[in-house]
Amino acid sequence: MQKENDADTNSATGAIKLLWIKGFFNEERALSVVADQIKKEWNHNFSPSDLSKALTKSPFLIRKGKRLAFKYIQKISATSEKIESVKQNLFSEEVLQKLKKDFRVELKDLNLNFGNSGTCTAFLLRKILEKLVYIVFARNNIGAKIEDKNSPGGLVGLEKMLNVAAVEKIRGVPILTPKTAQKIQGIKFLGDASAHNPLVGVDMETITPQMPFIITAYKELTERL
């Protein structure tokens, strides 16, 4: 979610933007209702003409109704806009090129589900993470480090993989920095919930704050390929 201080409430445009971020325009609002809410929130009294101009020019609102009875409602929620922005910037071109060969199906599925299904998105992000860790270990001939000694041919769980990756070094550099390994436990938890808990759904608003950490993890891991 966008921060409140991204909008300057000393201007009609800024106050309207902040109301949008807060979800105020998820239903139709008349100009007088907008004015009353701004007065209540920040004790500002903008002129009707200034408010009308700001509402009409707003890129995230649409106007409905007839003259003198216009109402305003959001085209897209602030949360949806944030999710779409994250989607468009998921991977740098460098990371994408390194992932394409081994993750073609997962990337296609992620593109289809990101923003549409939080449960599927969480599962896919976790799957890509686990598969990427395995590939890094295997291609650097240290796959034995993440084998499950109690299950021949099997692997340790993702949490253990991340802990090992934070300790194991390639050319003197940890596969994952300890901070990154710790931070991405959140997406592991969400992925586990989406895959194994039939009573729990994962929404995109929960996933979005985790994205900077997962993107960083993917970048660090692809640098070790």
Protein backbone atom coordinates (compact mmCIF):
# COMPACT_ATOMS: atom_id res chain seq x y z
CA MET A 1 0.00 0.00 0.00
CA GLN A 2 1.20 3.49 -0.77
CA LYS A 3 2.32 5.58 2.17
CA GLU A 4 0.17 8.47 3.33
CA ASN A 5 3.02 10.96 3.06
CA ASP A 6 3.19 10.27 -0.68
CA ALA A 7 0.34 12.76 -0.96
CA ASP A 8 0.37 16.41 0.14
CA THR A 9 -2.89 17.14 1.92
CA ASN A 10 -2.30 20.89 1.68
CA SER A 11 -3.57 20.75 -1.90
CA ALA A 12 -6.93 19.51 -3.17
CA THR A 13 -5.13 17.12 -5.53
CA GLY A 14 -3.02 15.68 -2.73
CA ALA A 15 -5.94 15.29 -0.34
CA ILE A 16 -7.99 13.50 -2.99
CA LYS A 17 -5.08 11.17 -3.76
CA LEU A 18 -4.73 10.29 -0.09
CA LEU A 19 -8.47 9.59 0.19
CA TRP A 20 -8.08 7.25 -2.78
CA ILE A 21 -5.13 5.49 -1.11
CA LYS A 22 -7.30 5.04 1.99
CA GLY A 23 -10.04 3.41 -0.12
CA PHE A 24 -12.52 6.28 0.22
CA PHE A 25 -13.45 6.16 -3.48
CA ASN A 26 -14.31 2.47 -3.58
CA GLU A 27 -17.89 3.71 -3.85
CA GLU A 28 -19.39 6.75 -5.56
CA ARG A 29 -18.83 10.04 -3.71
CA ALA A 30 -20.42 13.42 -4.34
CA LEU A 31 -18.27 16.55 -4.23
CA SER A 32 -19.89 17.66 -0.98
CA VAL A 33 -19.12 14.31 0.63
CA VAL A 34 -15.49 14.58 -0.48
CA ALA A 35 -15.29 18.10 0.97
CA ASP A 36 -16.75 16.94 4.28
CA GLN A 37 -14.29 14.04 4.50
CA ILE A 38 -11.30 16.30 3.81
CA LYS A 39 -12.57 18.70 6.49
CA LYS A 40 -12.93 15.80 8.92
CA GLU A 41 -9.52 14.26 8.14
CA TRP A 42 -7.29 17.33 7.82
CA ASN A 43 -9.43 20.37 8.65
CA HIS A 44 -8.97 21.84 5.15
CA ASN A 45 -11.66 23.85 3.38
CA PHE A 46 -10.91 23.81 -0.34
CA SER A 47 -13.21 25.74 -2.63
CA PRO A 48 -15.79 23.72 -4.58
CA SER A 49 -14.15 24.82 -7.85
CA ASP A 50 -10.70 23.62 -6.73
CA LEU A 51 -12.11 20.30 -5.55
CA SER A 52 -14.11 19.86 -8.74
CA LYS A 53 -11.06 20.48 -10.91
CA ALA A 54 -8.91 18.11 -8.88
CA LEU A 55 -11.54 15.37 -8.95
CA THR A 56 -12.11 15.74 -12.69
CA LYS A 57 -8.39 15.67 -13.53
CA SER A 58 -7.59 12.76 -11.23
CA PRO A 59 -6.14 9.86 -13.29
CA PHE A 60 -7.47 7.23 -10.88
CA LEU A 61 -11.10 8.42 -10.66
CA ILE A 62 -14.02 8.46 -13.08
CA ARG A 63 -16.97 10.84 -12.99
CA LYS A 64 -20.55 9.64 -13.18
CA GLY A 65 -23.96 11.29 -13.24
CA LYS A 66 -25.22 14.61 -14.55
CA ARG A 67 -24.03 18.20 -14.14
CA LEU A 68 -24.54 19.53 -10.61
CA ALA A 69 -24.96 15.94 -9.43
CA PHE A 70 -21.64 14.39 -10.39
CA LYS A 71 -20.21 11.57 -8.32
CA TYR A 72 -16.69 10.15 -8.38
CA ILE A 73 -15.46 6.58 -8.03
CA GLN A 74 -12.07 4.91 -8.49
CA LYS A 75 -11.04 3.36 -11.81
CA ILE A 76 -8.66 1.09 -9.96
CA SER A 77 -7.87 0.74 -6.28
CA ALA A 78 -4.55 1.97 -4.91
CA THR A 79 -3.78 -1.59 -3.86
CA SER A 80 -4.40 -2.92 -7.37
CA GLU A 81 -2.20 -0.20 -8.86
CA LYS A 82 0.60 -1.12 -6.46
CA ILE A 83 0.27 -4.80 -7.34
CA GLU A 84 0.37 -4.02 -11.05
CA SER A 85 3.47 -1.87 -10.56
CA VAL A 86 5.20 -4.71 -8.71
CA LYS A 87 4.20 -7.15 -11.46
CA GLN A 88 5.74 -4.98 -14.15
CA ASN A 89 9.02 -4.82 -12.24
CA LEU A 90 9.31 -8.34 -10.90
CA PHE A 91 12.59 -9.20 -12.54
CA SER A 92 15.41 -7.30 -14.13
CA GLU A 93 16.25 -8.35 -17.68
CA GLU A 94 19.47 -9.94 -16.41
CA VAL A 95 17.65 -12.10 -13.86
CA LEU A 96 14.90 -12.95 -16.34
CA GLN A 97 17.41 -14.19 -18.91
CA LYS A 98 18.98 -16.50 -16.35
CA LEU A 99 15.61 -17.86 -15.24
CA LYS A 100 14.03 -18.38 -18.65
CA LYS A 101 15.68 -21.69 -19.50
CA ASP A 102 14.79 -23.59 -16.32
CA PHE A 103 11.69 -21.69 -15.23
CA ARG A 104 9.73 -21.11 -18.43
CA VAL A 105 6.56 -22.79 -17.16
CA GLU A 106 6.77 -21.26 -13.68
CA LEU A 107 7.30 -17.75 -15.06
CA LYS A 108 4.35 -18.15 -17.41
CA ASP A 109 2.14 -19.33 -14.56
CA LEU A 110 3.37 -16.52 -12.31
CA ASN A 111 2.56 -13.93 -14.95
CA LEU A 112 -0.96 -15.35 -15.28
CA ASN A 113 -1.64 -15.49 -11.54
CA PHE A 114 0.18 -12.46 -10.10
CA GLY A 115 -2.49 -10.01 -9.02
CA ASN A 116 -5.30 -12.47 -9.75
CA SER A 117 -4.72 -15.23 -7.21
CA GLY A 118 -2.73 -14.67 -4.06
CA THR A 119 -2.80 -18.37 -3.19
CA CYS A 120 -1.38 -19.43 -6.56
CA THR A 121 1.15 -16.58 -6.53
CA ALA A 122 2.47 -17.53 -3.09
CA PHE A 123 2.82 -21.16 -4.14
CA LEU A 124 4.68 -20.27 -7.34
CA LEU A 125 7.06 -17.82 -5.66
CA ARG A 126 7.94 -20.47 -3.12
CA LYS A 127 8.37 -23.15 -5.80
CA ILE A 128 10.68 -20.95 -7.87
CA LEU A 129 12.71 -20.13 -4.77
CA GLU A 130 13.15 -23.77 -3.75
CA LYS A 131 13.95 -24.92 -7.28
CA LEU A 132 16.43 -22.09 -7.77
CA VAL A 133 18.26 -22.92 -4.54
CA TYR A 134 18.51 -26.56 -5.63
CA ILE A 135 19.84 -25.66 -9.10
CA VAL A 136 22.48 -23.34 -7.62
CA PHE A 137 23.75 -26.07 -5.30
CA ALA A 138 23.66 -28.72 -8.03
CA ARG A 139 25.49 -26.65 -10.65
CA ASN A 140 28.20 -25.73 -8.18
CA ASN A 141 28.68 -29.44 -7.33
CA ILE A 142 27.62 -29.02 -3.72
CA GLY A 143 24.21 -30.67 -3.99
CA ALA A 144 25.13 -33.07 -1.19
CA LYS A 145 24.93 -30.12 1.22
CA ILE A 146 21.14 -30.07 0.95
CA GLU A 147 20.45 -33.80 0.70
CA ASP A 148 18.28 -35.35 3.40
CA LYS A 149 20.50 -37.91 5.12
CA ASN A 150 17.44 -39.71 6.44
CA SER A 151 15.83 -40.05 3.02
CA PRO A 152 18.17 -41.31 0.30
CA GLY A 153 17.71 -39.24 -2.85
CA GLY A 154 15.60 -36.68 -1.03
CA LEU A 155 16.25 -33.08 -0.08
CA VAL A 156 15.96 -31.16 3.16
CA GLY A 157 13.07 -28.73 3.53
CA LEU A 158 13.18 -25.20 2.21
CA GLU A 159 13.87 -23.62 5.59
CA LYS A 160 16.96 -25.82 6.01
CA MET A 161 18.00 -25.05 2.42
CA LEU A 162 17.89 -21.33 3.14
CA ASN A 163 19.91 -21.74 6.32
CA VAL A 164 22.57 -23.73 4.48
CA ALA A 165 22.59 -21.20 1.63
CA ALA A 166 23.30 -18.41 4.12
CA VAL A 167 26.40 -20.27 5.35
CA GLU A 168 27.73 -22.01 2.25
CA LYS A 169 30.00 -19.84 0.10
CA ILE A 170 30.86 -19.83 -3.59
CA ARG A 171 34.08 -18.01 -4.46
CA GLY A 172 34.06 -16.58 -0.96
CA VAL A 173 30.54 -15.18 -1.15
CA PRO A 174 27.48 -16.67 0.63
CA ILE A 175 24.93 -18.19 -1.75
CA LEU A 176 22.39 -16.02 0.05
CA THR A 177 23.30 -13.23 2.40
CA PRO A 178 22.12 -14.09 5.93
CA LYS A 179 19.81 -11.04 5.93
CA THR A 180 18.12 -12.13 2.70
CA ALA A 181 17.78 -15.72 3.91
CA GLN A 182 16.05 -14.44 7.03
CA LYS A 183 13.79 -11.97 5.25
CA ILE A 184 12.38 -14.45 2.73
CA GLN A 185 11.05 -16.74 5.45
CA GLY A 186 7.84 -14.74 5.00
CA ILE A 187 7.27 -15.95 1.44
CA LYS A 188 8.16 -19.50 2.52
CA PHE A 189 5.44 -19.28 5.18
CA LEU A 190 2.87 -17.95 2.69
CA GLY A 191 3.83 -20.58 0.14
CA ASP A 192 3.52 -23.33 2.74
CA ALA A 193 0.10 -22.02 3.76
CA SER A 194 -1.12 -21.93 0.16
CA ALA A 195 0.11 -25.46 -0.56
CA HIS A 196 -0.66 -27.30 2.67
CA ASN A 197 -3.45 -25.54 4.57
CA PRO A 198 -6.86 -26.07 2.92
CA LEU A 199 -8.49 -23.61 5.32
CA VAL A 200 -6.19 -20.68 4.55
CA GLY A 201 -6.21 -18.39 1.53
CA VAL A 202 -3.40 -15.96 0.75
CA ASP A 203 -4.27 -12.53 -0.64
CA MET A 204 -2.08 -10.28 -2.77
CA GLU A 205 -2.00 -7.53 -0.13
CA THR A 206 -0.14 -9.98 2.12
CA ILE A 207 2.30 -10.97 -0.61
CA THR A 208 3.17 -7.51 -1.95
CA PRO A 209 5.25 -6.37 1.08
CA GLN A 210 7.32 -9.55 0.69
CA MET A 211 8.24 -8.89 -2.94
CA PRO A 212 11.39 -6.76 -2.40
CA PHE A 213 12.87 -9.63 -0.38
CA ILE A 214 11.99 -12.38 -2.85
CA ILE A 215 13.27 -10.31 -5.78
CA THR A 216 16.55 -9.76 -3.93
CA ALA A 217 16.81 -13.48 -3.18
CA TYR A 218 16.28 -14.42 -6.83
CA LYS A 219 18.92 -11.90 -7.87
CA GLU A 220 21.49 -13.22 -5.38
CA LEU A 221 20.82 -16.81 -6.37
CA THR A 222 21.05 -16.20 -10.12
CA GLU A 223 24.41 -14.53 -9.56
CA ARG A 224 25.69 -17.88 -8.24
CA LEU A 225 24.65 -19.86 -11.33
